Amino acid sequence: MTSRERIKRIIGGEKADRFGNPHEDTWLIIHNYFGTKTDEELRQKT
């Protein structure tokens, strides 16, 4: 699994081969990085 596939699976709420789901406080950082406000916007961006 590539790192891109891994990130897409984590954002999509699926289980990845490594890493679990990010801590809920981390989602704000992820949204700020990608410039998104909702989970759907984030899924479309990745």
Protein backbone atom coordinates (compact mmCIF):
# COMPACT_ATOMS: atom_id res chain seq x y z
CA MET A 1 0.00 0.00 0.00
CA THR A 2 1.40 3.37 -0.96
CA SER A 3 1.39 6.32 1.42
CA ARG A 4 -1.25 8.02 -0.74
CA GLU A 5 -3.51 4.97 -0.59
CA ARG A 6 -2.96 4.77 3.17
CA ILE A 7 -3.99 8.41 3.71
CA LYS A 8 -7.07 8.01 1.49
CA ARG A 9 -8.17 4.97 3.49
CA ILE A 10 -7.66 6.71 6.84
CA ILE A 11 -9.58 9.79 5.69
CA GLY A 12 -12.30 7.56 4.28
CA GLY A 13 -12.66 5.88 7.67
CA GLU A 14 -11.26 2.57 6.46
CA LYS A 15 -8.57 0.51 8.11
CA ALA A 16 -5.06 0.98 6.76
CA ASP A 17 -2.20 -1.52 6.88
CA ARG A 18 -0.29 0.74 9.27
CA PHE A 19 -1.37 3.56 11.52
CA GLY A 20 -4.75 3.76 13.12
CA ASN A 21 -7.25 6.52 12.95
CA PRO A 22 -5.88 9.95 13.85
CA HIS A 23 -6.75 11.39 17.25
CA GLU A 24 -9.82 13.63 16.99
CA ASP A 25 -7.71 16.73 17.74
CA THR A 26 -5.58 15.93 14.69
CA TRP A 27 -8.50 16.30 12.27
CA LEU A 28 -8.40 20.11 12.69
CA ILE A 29 -4.74 20.10 11.65
CA ILE A 30 -5.54 17.88 8.65
CA HIS A 31 -8.42 20.13 7.56
CA ASN A 32 -6.24 23.23 7.91
CA TYR A 33 -3.49 21.62 5.83
CA PHE A 34 -5.86 20.70 2.99
CA GLY A 35 -7.97 23.87 3.30
CA THR A 36 -11.20 21.98 3.95
CA LYS A 37 -14.00 22.38 6.48
CA THR A 38 -15.98 19.14 6.16
CA ASP A 39 -15.03 15.49 5.91
CA GLU A 40 -16.66 15.28 2.46
CA GLU A 41 -14.52 18.19 1.18
CA LEU A 42 -11.46 16.42 2.55
CA ARG A 43 -12.37 13.14 0.81
CA GLN A 44 -12.82 14.96 -2.50
CA LYS A 45 -9.52 16.80 -2.08
CA THR A 46 -7.42 13.65 -1.57
